[in-house]
């Protein structure tokens, strides 16, 4: 980490220029903001207290960790990943041709859709309804 900014009232934590919304309500009530450039920084207060110089951000590690957790989400299970796909993506993953390709099969083959029906039947046979 090179830089850190925390703006408590906005629940904003910025690490190396990347901002995230993170709950900051657990910080001391008189903290307005924290600024750190990688080696030096300060805590700004909202109650008339002068800025406090800091040389590390150990006191704010929980906010840095929360920020990092949002950058590196837990991978979805195979089932959850499939559920997150759009309808078109699910059809494509199952092996269906795109709607355009299906219509081309019907039109270009001139056989009343026999090729189209065979392609659809192949997918349905491969993935039968439960």
Protein backbone atom coordinates (compact mmCIF):
# COMPACT_ATOMS: atom_id res chain seq x y z
CA UNK A 1 0.00 0.00 0.00
CA UNK A 2 1.35 3.38 -0.98
CA UNK A 3 -1.44 5.78 0.00
CA UNK A 4 -4.49 5.83 2.24
CA UNK A 5 -7.33 8.30 2.63
CA UNK A 6 -10.33 7.80 4.87
CA UNK A 7 -13.25 10.22 4.91
CA UNK A 8 -15.32 9.04 7.84
CA UNK A 9 -18.54 10.98 7.20
CA UNK A 10 -18.72 9.59 3.65
CA UNK A 11 -17.67 6.03 4.61
CA UNK A 12 -15.01 6.32 1.93
CA UNK A 13 -11.70 4.47 2.08
CA UNK A 14 -9.21 5.10 -0.74
CA UNK A 15 -6.18 2.80 -1.00
CA UNK A 16 -3.69 3.58 -3.75
CA UNK A 17 -6.26 5.67 -5.60
CA UNK A 18 -9.05 3.06 -5.50
CA UNK A 19 -12.06 4.14 -3.46
CA UNK A 20 -14.52 1.83 -1.73
CA UNK A 21 -17.50 2.45 0.51
CA UNK A 22 -16.70 0.91 3.88
CA UNK A 23 -18.45 1.45 7.21
CA UNK A 24 -16.34 3.87 9.25
CA UNK A 25 -18.77 4.39 12.14
CA UNK A 26 -16.42 2.54 14.50
CA UNK A 27 -13.73 5.23 14.19
CA UNK A 28 -13.48 7.80 16.99
CA UNK A 29 -16.35 10.28 16.77
CA UNK A 30 -14.03 13.27 16.41
CA UNK A 31 -12.12 11.91 13.39
CA UNK A 32 -12.95 13.78 10.18
CA UNK A 33 -10.38 12.20 7.84
CA UNK A 34 -7.10 10.31 7.62
CA UNK A 35 -4.47 11.06 4.98
CA UNK A 36 -1.32 8.98 4.47
CA UNK A 37 1.16 9.17 1.57
CA UNK A 38 2.99 5.91 2.23
CA UNK A 39 5.44 7.22 4.80
CA UNK A 40 3.79 10.18 6.54
CA UNK A 41 0.33 11.51 7.07
CA UNK A 42 -2.12 12.98 9.52
CA UNK A 43 -5.46 12.53 11.19
CA UNK A 44 -7.87 15.46 10.79
CA UNK A 45 -10.35 16.10 13.57
CA UNK A 46 -13.78 17.75 13.50
CA UNK A 47 -13.78 19.14 17.05
CA UNK A 48 -11.09 21.80 16.88
CA UNK A 49 -8.27 19.42 17.79
CA UNK A 50 -5.20 20.08 15.64
CA UNK A 51 -4.13 17.53 13.04
CA UNK A 52 -2.17 14.61 14.45
CA UNK A 53 0.90 13.51 12.48
CA UNK A 54 1.19 9.77 11.82
CA UNK A 55 4.00 7.64 10.38
CA UNK A 56 2.02 4.40 9.99
CA UNK A 57 -1.58 3.32 9.52
CA UNK A 58 -1.66 0.40 11.95
CA UNK A 59 -4.64 1.92 13.77
CA UNK A 60 -6.62 1.78 10.52
CA UNK A 61 -5.61 -1.72 9.39
CA UNK A 62 -9.21 -2.98 9.72
CA UNK A 63 -10.29 -0.46 7.06
CA UNK A 64 -7.41 -1.47 4.78
CA UNK A 65 -8.35 -5.13 5.24
CA UNK A 66 -12.02 -4.39 4.47
CA UNK A 67 -10.92 -2.55 1.32
CA UNK A 68 -8.74 -5.49 0.26
CA UNK A 69 -11.59 -7.94 0.87
CA UNK A 70 -13.71 -6.04 -1.64
CA UNK A 71 -10.87 -6.19 -4.18
CA UNK A 72 -10.48 -9.95 -3.80
CA UNK A 73 -13.98 -11.40 -3.48
CA UNK A 74 -14.50 -15.03 -2.56
CA UNK A 75 -14.97 -16.98 -5.79
CA UNK A 76 -18.53 -18.06 -6.53
CA UNK A 77 -19.43 -21.72 -6.42
CA UNK A 78 -20.12 -23.29 -9.82
CA UNK A 79 -23.85 -23.26 -9.02
CA UNK A 80 -23.86 -19.58 -7.96
CA UNK A 81 -21.77 -18.58 -10.98
CA UNK A 82 -24.26 -20.28 -13.31
CA UNK A 83 -27.19 -18.62 -11.50
CA UNK A 84 -25.57 -15.21 -12.05
CA UNK A 85 -25.45 -15.68 -15.82
CA UNK A 86 -28.03 -14.01 -18.03
CA UNK A 87 -30.62 -16.14 -19.82
CA UNK A 88 -28.69 -15.82 -23.10
CA UNK A 89 -25.40 -16.81 -21.42
CA UNK A 90 -27.05 -19.88 -19.85
CA UNK A 91 -28.45 -20.95 -23.23
CA UNK A 92 -25.04 -20.51 -24.84
CA UNK A 93 -23.24 -22.40 -22.07
CA UNK A 94 -25.74 -25.26 -22.38
CA UNK A 95 -24.87 -25.56 -26.06
CA UNK A 96 -27.76 -23.79 -27.78
CA UNK A 97 -26.87 -21.81 -30.87
CA UNK A 98 -27.66 -18.10 -30.76
CA UNK A 99 -31.17 -17.08 -31.83
CA UNK A 100 -29.71 -15.64 -35.03
CA UNK A 101 -27.91 -18.89 -35.83
CA UNK A 102 -31.06 -20.88 -35.11
CA UNK A 103 -33.08 -18.71 -37.48
CA UNK A 104 -30.34 -19.07 -40.12
CA UNK A 105 -30.61 -22.88 -39.79
CA UNK A 106 -34.35 -22.70 -40.48
CA UNK A 107 -34.00 -20.25 -43.38
CA UNK A 108 -30.89 -21.51 -45.16
CA UNK A 109 -31.55 -25.22 -44.96
CA UNK A 110 -34.95 -24.90 -46.62
CA UNK A 111 -36.11 -28.11 -45.03
CA UNK A 112 -38.86 -26.75 -42.81
CA UNK A 113 -36.54 -26.58 -39.85
CA UNK A 114 -35.37 -30.23 -39.66
CA UNK A 115 -31.73 -29.16 -39.08
CA UNK A 116 -32.90 -26.65 -36.48
CA UNK A 117 -35.01 -29.30 -34.72
CA UNK A 118 -32.10 -31.77 -34.74
CA UNK A 119 -29.77 -29.19 -33.15
CA UNK A 120 -32.29 -28.34 -30.42
CA UNK A 121 -33.07 -32.02 -29.79
CA UNK A 122 -29.35 -32.78 -29.38
CA UNK A 123 -29.06 -30.18 -26.62
CA UNK A 124 -32.27 -31.32 -24.93
CA UNK A 125 -31.10 -34.94 -25.03
CA UNK A 126 -27.75 -33.93 -23.53
CA UNK A 127 -29.46 -31.91 -20.73
CA UNK A 128 -32.81 -33.59 -20.01
CA UNK A 129 -35.31 -31.91 -17.69
CA UNK A 130 -35.24 -33.32 -14.20
